[in-house]
PDB file of all heavy atoms in Angstrom:
ATOM      1  N   PRO A   1     118.759 116.906 106.958  1.00  0.00           N
ATOM      2  CA  PRO A   1     117.718 117.327 105.951  1.00  0.00           C
ATOM      3  C   PRO A   1     116.312 117.519 106.642  1.00  0.00           C
ATOM      4  O   PRO A   1     116.039 116.875 107.550  1.00  0.00           O
ATOM      5  CB  PRO A   1     117.743 116.071 105.054  1.00  0.00           C
ATOM      6  CG  PRO A   1     119.051 115.392 105.267  1.00  0.00           C
ATOM      7  CD  PRO A   1     119.470 115.674 106.639  1.00  0.00           C
ATOM      8  N   ALA A   2     115.462 118.356 106.012  1.00  0.00           N
ATOM      9  CA  ALA A   2     114.229 118.728 106.503  1.00  0.00           C
ATOM     10  C   ALA A   2     113.192 117.663 106.191  1.00  0.00           C
ATOM     11  O   ALA A   2     112.186 117.490 106.869  1.00  0.00           O
ATOM     12  CB  ALA A   2     113.880 120.049 106.092  1.00  0.00           C
ATOM     13  N   ASP A   3     113.370 116.878 105.132  1.00  0.00           N
ATOM     14  CA  ASP A   3     112.336 116.012 104.742  1.00  0.00           C
ATOM     15  C   ASP A   3     112.100 114.813 105.681  1.00  0.00           C
ATOM     16  O   ASP A   3     113.041 114.349 106.386  1.00  0.00           O
ATOM     17  CB  ASP A   3     112.687 115.493 103.291  1.00  0.00           C
ATOM     18  CG  ASP A   3     114.128 114.817 103.161  1.00  0.00           C
ATOM     19  OD1 ASP A   3     114.986 115.475 103.707  1.00  0.00           O
ATOM     20  OD2 ASP A   3     114.369 113.774 102.444  1.00  0.00           O
ATOM     21  N   ASP A   4     110.906 114.560 105.859  1.00  0.00           N
ATOM     22  CA  ASP A   4     110.447 113.392 106.664  1.00  0.00           C
ATOM     23  C   ASP A   4     110.636 113.556 108.128  1.00  0.00           C
ATOM     24  O   ASP A   4     110.448 112.533 108.952  1.00  0.00           O
ATOM     25  CB  ASP A   4     111.214 112.095 106.205  1.00  0.00           C
ATOM     26  CG  ASP A   4     110.761 111.600 104.887  1.00  0.00           C
ATOM     27  OD1 ASP A   4     109.660 112.002 104.363  1.00  0.00           O
ATOM     28  OD2 ASP A   4     111.561 110.882 104.259  1.00  0.00           O
ATOM     29  N   ALA A   5     111.080 114.658 108.581  1.00  0.00           N
ATOM     30  CA  ALA A   5     111.174 114.849 110.112  1.00  0.00           C
ATOM     31  C   ALA A   5     109.787 115.091 110.675  1.00  0.00           C
ATOM     32  O   ALA A   5     109.093 115.965 110.214  1.00  0.00           O
ATOM     33  CB  ALA A   5     112.061 116.078 110.362  1.00  0.00           C
ATOM     34  N   THR A   6     109.610 114.498 111.882  1.00  0.00           N
ATOM     35  CA  THR A   6     108.376 114.676 112.578  1.00  0.00           C
ATOM     36  C   THR A   6     108.839 114.847 114.094  1.00  0.00           C
ATOM     37  O   THR A   6     109.741 114.293 114.610  1.00  0.00           O
ATOM     38  CB  THR A   6     107.372 113.465 112.499  1.00  0.00           C
ATOM     39  OG1 THR A   6     108.042 112.329 112.944  1.00  0.00           O
ATOM     40  CG2 THR A   6     106.862 113.405 111.157  1.00  0.00           C
ATOM     41  N   ALA A   7     108.000 115.609 114.817  1.00  0.00           N
ATOM     42  CA  ALA A   7     108.340 116.006 116.159  1.00  0.00           C
ATOM     43  C   ALA A   7     108.138 114.784 117.188  1.00  0.00           C
ATOM     44  O   ALA A   7     107.170 113.964 116.999  1.00  0.00           O
ATOM     45  CB  ALA A   7     107.493 117.195 116.647  1.00  0.00           C
ATOM     46  N   ALA A   8     108.899 114.781 118.225  1.00  0.00           N
ATOM     47  CA  ALA A   8     108.720 113.890 119.263  1.00  0.00           C
ATOM     48  C   ALA A   8     107.585 114.246 120.043  1.00  0.00           C
ATOM     49  O   ALA A   8     106.941 115.330 120.026  1.00  0.00           O
ATOM     50  CB  ALA A   8     109.874 113.697 120.132  1.00  0.00           C
ATOM     51  N   SER A   9     106.984 113.291 120.882  1.00  0.00           N
ATOM     52  CA  SER A   9     105.730 113.538 121.644  1.00  0.00           C
ATOM     53  C   SER A   9     105.943 114.645 122.742  1.00  0.00           C
ATOM     54  O   SER A   9     104.938 115.366 123.051  1.00  0.00           O
ATOM     55  CB  SER A   9     105.287 112.355 122.371  1.00  0.00           C
ATOM     56  OG  SER A   9     106.156 111.745 123.195  1.00  0.00           O
ATOM     57  N   GLY A  10     107.176 114.810 123.052  1.00  0.00           N
ATOM     58  CA  GLY A  10     107.472 115.908 124.032  1.00  0.00           C
ATOM     59  C   GLY A  10     107.914 117.200 123.335  1.00  0.00           C
ATOM     60  O   GLY A  10     108.493 118.196 124.156  1.00  0.00           O
ATOM     61  N   MET A  11     107.746 117.408 122.191  1.00  0.00           N
ATOM     62  CA  MET A  11     108.035 118.664 121.416  1.00  0.00           C
ATOM     63  C   MET A  11     106.742 119.168 120.690  1.00  0.00           C
ATOM     64  O   MET A  11     105.896 118.335 120.279  1.00  0.00           O
ATOM     65  CB  MET A  11     109.085 118.346 120.310  1.00  0.00           C
ATOM     66  CG  MET A  11     110.345 117.837 120.786  1.00  0.00           C
ATOM     67  SD  MET A  11     111.449 117.256 119.455  1.00  0.00           S
ATOM     68  CE  MET A  11     111.800 118.827 118.594  1.00  0.00           C
ATOM     69  N   ALA A  12     106.671 120.563 120.641  1.00  0.00           N
ATOM     70  CA  ALA A  12     105.618 120.976 119.795  1.00  0.00           C
ATOM     71  C   ALA A  12     105.765 120.859 118.296  1.00  0.00           C
ATOM     72  O   ALA A  12     106.971 121.090 117.777  1.00  0.00           O
ATOM     73  CB  ALA A  12     105.329 122.516 120.082  1.00  0.00           C
ATOM     74  N   ALA A  13     104.746 120.298 117.625  1.00  0.00           N
ATOM     75  CA  ALA A  13     105.035 120.040 116.114  1.00  0.00           C
ATOM     76  C   ALA A  13     105.379 121.381 115.531  1.00  0.00           C
ATOM     77  O   ALA A  13     106.071 121.406 114.543  1.00  0.00           O
ATOM     78  CB  ALA A  13     103.719 119.420 115.499  1.00  0.00           C
ATOM     79  N   SER A  14     104.833 122.409 116.000  1.00  0.00           N
ATOM     80  CA  SER A  14     105.034 123.713 115.403  1.00  0.00           C
ATOM     81  C   SER A  14     106.507 124.282 115.572  1.00  0.00           C
ATOM     82  O   SER A  14     106.939 125.231 114.804  1.00  0.00           O
ATOM     83  CB  SER A  14     104.173 124.830 115.957  1.00  0.00           C
ATOM     84  OG  SER A  14     104.390 125.001 117.297  1.00  0.00           O
ATOM     85  N   SER A  15     107.302 123.606 116.267  1.00  0.00           N
ATOM     86  CA  SER A  15     108.718 123.945 116.470  1.00  0.00           C
ATOM     87  C   SER A  15     109.511 123.543 115.306  1.00  0.00           C
ATOM     88  O   SER A  15     110.752 123.995 115.167  1.00  0.00           O
ATOM     89  CB  SER A  15     109.215 123.385 117.728  1.00  0.00           C
ATOM     90  OG  SER A  15     109.440 121.954 117.700  1.00  0.00           O
ATOM     91  N   LEU A  16     109.177 122.667 114.462  1.00  0.00           N
ATOM     92  CA  LEU A  16     109.801 122.197 113.362  1.00  0.00           C
ATOM     93  C   LEU A  16     109.640 122.999 112.139  1.00  0.00           C
ATOM     94  O   LEU A  16     108.462 123.349 111.866  1.00  0.00           O
ATOM     95  CB  LEU A  16     109.532 120.685 113.047  1.00  0.00           C
ATOM     96  CG  LEU A  16     109.866 119.630 114.139  1.00  0.00           C
ATOM     97  CD1 LEU A  16     109.623 118.293 113.594  1.00  0.00           C
ATOM     98  CD2 LEU A  16     111.136 119.832 114.854  1.00  0.00           C
ATOM     99  N   GLY A  17     110.701 123.233 111.410  1.00  0.00           N
ATOM    100  CA  GLY A  17     110.622 123.943 110.113  1.00  0.00           C
ATOM    101  C   GLY A  17     111.790 123.659 109.305  1.00  0.00           C
ATOM    102  O   GLY A  17     112.377 122.721 109.485  1.00  0.00           O
ATOM    103  N   SER A  18     112.037 124.489 108.334  1.00  0.00           N
ATOM    104  CA  SER A  18     113.266 124.317 107.424  1.00  0.00           C
ATOM    105  C   SER A  18     113.815 125.599 106.854  1.00  0.00           C
ATOM    106  O   SER A  18     113.203 126.674 107.079  1.00  0.00           O
ATOM    107  CB  SER A  18     112.777 123.475 106.154  1.00  0.00           C
ATOM    108  OG  SER A  18     111.918 124.353 105.405  1.00  0.00           O
ATOM    109  N   VAL A  19     115.139 125.617 106.486  1.00  0.00           N
ATOM    110  CA  VAL A  19     115.688 126.714 105.915  1.00  0.00           C
ATOM    111  C   VAL A  19     116.510 126.228 104.659  1.00  0.00           C
ATOM    112  O   VAL A  19     116.826 125.135 104.618  1.00  0.00           O
ATOM    113  CB  VAL A  19     116.752 127.404 106.781  1.00  0.00           C
ATOM    114  CG1 VAL A  19     117.823 126.273 107.263  1.00  0.00           C
ATOM    115  CG2 VAL A  19     117.433 128.489 106.368  1.00  0.00           C
ATOM    116  N   THR A  20     116.405 127.063 103.620  1.00  0.00           N
ATOM    117  CA  THR A  20     117.089 126.746 102.357  1.00  0.00           C
ATOM    118  C   THR A  20     118.575 127.142 102.389  1.00  0.00           C
ATOM    119  O   THR A  20     118.860 128.242 102.650  1.00  0.00           O
ATOM    120  CB  THR A  20     116.388 127.377 101.113  1.00  0.00           C
ATOM    121  OG1 THR A  20     115.087 126.870 101.131  1.00  0.00           O
ATOM    122  CG2 THR A  20     117.095 126.944  99.801  1.00  0.00           C
ATOM    123  N   ARG A  21     119.474 126.154 102.218  1.00  0.00           N
ATOM    124  CA  ARG A  21     120.939 126.373 102.456  1.00  0.00           C
ATOM    125  C   ARG A  21     121.346 127.042 101.095  1.00  0.00           C
ATOM    126  O   ARG A  21     120.630 126.982 100.088  1.00  0.00           O
ATOM    127  CB  ARG A  21     121.573 125.130 102.786  1.00  0.00           C
ATOM    128  CG  ARG A  21     121.352 124.684 104.098  1.00  0.00           C
ATOM    129  CD  ARG A  21     122.059 123.387 104.398  1.00  0.00           C
ATOM    130  NE  ARG A  21     123.455 123.399 104.231  1.00  0.00           N
ATOM    131  CZ  ARG A  21     124.243 123.919 105.172  1.00  0.00           C
ATOM    132  NH1 ARG A  21     123.934 124.316 106.247  1.00  0.00           N
ATOM    133  NH2 ARG A  21     125.605 124.011 104.917  1.00  0.00           N
ATOM    134  N   ALA A  22     122.740 127.513 101.037  1.00  0.00           N
ATOM    135  CA  ALA A  22     123.162 128.127  99.871  1.00  0.00           C
ATOM    136  C   ALA A  22     123.295 127.196  98.617  1.00  0.00           C
ATOM    137  O   ALA A  22     123.106 127.576  97.520  1.00  0.00           O
ATOM    138  CB  ALA A  22     124.691 128.604 100.210  1.00  0.00           C
ATOM    139  N   ASP A  23     123.256 125.757  98.948  1.00  0.00           N
ATOM    140  CA  ASP A  23     123.385 124.841  97.847  1.00  0.00           C
ATOM    141  C   ASP A  23     121.923 124.416  97.331  1.00  0.00           C
ATOM    142  O   ASP A  23     121.809 123.583  96.534  1.00  0.00           O
ATOM    143  CB  ASP A  23     124.183 123.598  98.174  1.00  0.00           C
ATOM    144  CG  ASP A  23     123.597 122.943  99.325  1.00  0.00           C
ATOM    145  OD1 ASP A  23     122.485 123.305  99.909  1.00  0.00           O
ATOM    146  OD2 ASP A  23     124.204 121.979  99.891  1.00  0.00           O
ATOM    147  N   GLY A  24     120.893 125.033  97.932  1.00  0.00           N
ATOM    148  CA  GLY A  24     119.596 124.766  97.580  1.00  0.00           C
ATOM    149  C   GLY A  24     118.957 123.750  98.343  1.00  0.00           C
ATOM    150  O   GLY A  24     117.663 123.518  98.182  1.00  0.00           O
ATOM    151  N   THR A  25     119.688 122.998  99.185  1.00  0.00           N
ATOM    152  CA  THR A  25     118.939 121.862  99.966  1.00  0.00           C
ATOM    153  C   THR A  25     118.209 122.574 101.226  1.00  0.00           C
ATOM    154  O   THR A  25     118.571 123.559 101.617  1.00  0.00           O
ATOM    155  CB  THR A  25     119.987 121.005 100.529  1.00  0.00           C
ATOM    156  OG1 THR A  25     120.954 121.580 101.332  1.00  0.00           O
ATOM    157  CG2 THR A  25     120.743 120.229  99.319  1.00  0.00           C
ATOM    158  N   LYS A  26     117.232 121.695 101.658  1.00  0.00           N
ATOM    159  CA  LYS A  26     116.469 122.075 102.848  1.00  0.00           C
ATOM    160  C   LYS A  26     116.994 121.497 103.999  1.00  0.00           C
ATOM    161  O   LYS A  26     117.059 120.303 104.158  1.00  0.00           O
ATOM    162  CB  LYS A  26     115.040 121.698 102.624  1.00  0.00           C
ATOM    163  CG  LYS A  26     114.248 122.330 101.455  1.00  0.00           C
ATOM    164  CD  LYS A  26     113.843 123.795 101.706  1.00  0.00           C
ATOM    165  CE  LYS A  26     112.967 124.285 100.646  1.00  0.00           C
ATOM    166  NZ  LYS A  26     112.573 125.726 100.927  1.00  0.00           N
ATOM    167  N   GLN A  27     117.226 122.339 105.106  1.00  0.00           N
ATOM    168  CA  GLN A  27     117.787 121.904 106.412  1.00  0.00           C
ATOM    169  C   GLN A  27     116.683 122.055 107.338  1.00  0.00           C
ATOM    170  O   GLN A  27     116.004 123.040 107.485  1.00  0.00           O
ATOM    171  CB  GLN A  27     118.967 122.716 106.751  1.00  0.00           C
ATOM    172  CG  GLN A  27     119.656 122.259 107.972  1.00  0.00           C
ATOM    173  CD  GLN A  27     120.879 123.078 108.333  1.00  0.00           C
ATOM    174  OE1 GLN A  27     121.329 123.953 107.618  1.00  0.00           O
ATOM    175  NE2 GLN A  27     121.512 122.608 109.429  1.00  0.00           N
ATOM    176  N   LEU A  28     116.565 120.983 108.271  1.00  0.00           N
ATOM    177  CA  LEU A  28     115.665 121.074 109.378  1.00  0.00           C
ATOM    178  C   LEU A  28     116.072 122.154 110.293  1.00  0.00           C
ATOM    179  O   LEU A  28     117.239 122.376 110.634  1.00  0.00           O
ATOM    180  CB  LEU A  28     115.820 119.773 110.169  1.00  0.00           C
ATOM    181  CG  LEU A  28     114.885 119.552 111.265  1.00  0.00           C
ATOM    182  CD1 LEU A  28     113.394 119.564 110.985  1.00  0.00           C
ATOM    183  CD2 LEU A  28     115.174 118.277 112.218  1.00  0.00           C
ATOM    184  N   THR A  29     114.986 122.810 110.823  1.00  0.00           N
ATOM    185  CA  THR A  29     115.158 123.760 111.921  1.00  0.00           C
ATOM    186  C   THR A  29     114.347 123.395 113.184  1.00  0.00           C
ATOM    187  O   THR A  29     113.270 122.734 112.952  1.00  0.00           O
ATOM    188  CB  THR A  29     114.716 125.240 111.509  1.00  0.00           C
ATOM    189  OG1 THR A  29     113.405 125.319 111.133  1.00  0.00           O
ATOM    190  CG2 THR A  29     115.594 125.718 110.391  1.00  0.00           C
ATOM    191  N   ILE A  30     114.717 123.645 114.264  1.00  0.00           N
ATOM    192  CA  ILE A  30     113.942 123.312 115.551  1.00  0.00           C
ATOM    193  C   ILE A  30     114.000 124.689 116.340  1.00  0.00           C
ATOM    194  O   ILE A  30     114.971 125.299 116.645  1.00  0.00           O
ATOM    195  CB  ILE A  30     114.728 122.327 116.340  1.00  0.00           C
ATOM    196  CG1 ILE A  30     114.842 121.035 115.537  1.00  0.00           C
ATOM    197  CG2 ILE A  30     113.828 121.984 117.577  1.00  0.00           C
ATOM    198  CD1 ILE A  30     115.644 119.901 116.291  1.00  0.00           C
ATOM    199  N   GLY A  31     112.927 125.271 116.511  1.00  0.00           N
ATOM    200  CA  GLY A  31     112.673 126.506 117.153  1.00  0.00           C
ATOM    201  C   GLY A  31     113.343 127.565 116.298  1.00  0.00           C
ATOM    202  O   GLY A  31     113.727 128.527 116.900  1.00  0.00           O
ATOM    203  N   GLY A  32     113.365 127.354 114.972  1.00  0.00           N
ATOM    204  CA  GLY A  32     114.102 128.355 114.052  1.00  0.00           C
ATOM    205  C   GLY A  32     115.468 128.030 113.884  1.00  0.00           C
ATOM    206  O   GLY A  32     116.077 128.566 112.895  1.00  0.00           O
ATOM    207  N   TRP A  33     116.191 127.324 114.673  1.00  0.00           N
ATOM    208  CA  TRP A  33     117.519 127.080 114.641  1.00  0.00           C
ATOM    209  C   TRP A  33     117.843 125.864 113.630  1.00  0.00           C
ATOM    210  O   TRP A  33     117.294 124.839 113.993  1.00  0.00           O
ATOM    211  CB  TRP A  33     118.138 126.932 115.999  1.00  0.00           C
ATOM    212  CG  TRP A  33     118.198 128.172 116.898  1.00  0.00           C
ATOM    213  CD1 TRP A  33     117.215 128.539 117.741  1.00  0.00           C
ATOM    214  CD2 TRP A  33     119.296 129.033 116.903  1.00  0.00           C
ATOM    215  NE1 TRP A  33     117.592 129.648 118.312  1.00  0.00           N
ATOM    216  CE2 TRP A  33     118.739 130.054 117.763  1.00  0.00           C
ATOM    217  CE3 TRP A  33     120.377 129.236 116.319  1.00  0.00           C
ATOM    218  CZ2 TRP A  33     119.513 131.199 118.143  1.00  0.00           C
ATOM    219  CZ3 TRP A  33     121.201 130.377 116.573  1.00  0.00           C
ATOM    220  CH2 TRP A  33     120.817 131.204 117.395  1.00  0.00           C
TER     221      TRP A  33
END
């Protein structure tokens, strides 16, 4: 799930995002993946 995810200190915060799955839920993405 995408909610509540925060980046580790060795990761760029901007690398985190989300994608809406077919069932409507939000999935975490890292570097777009």
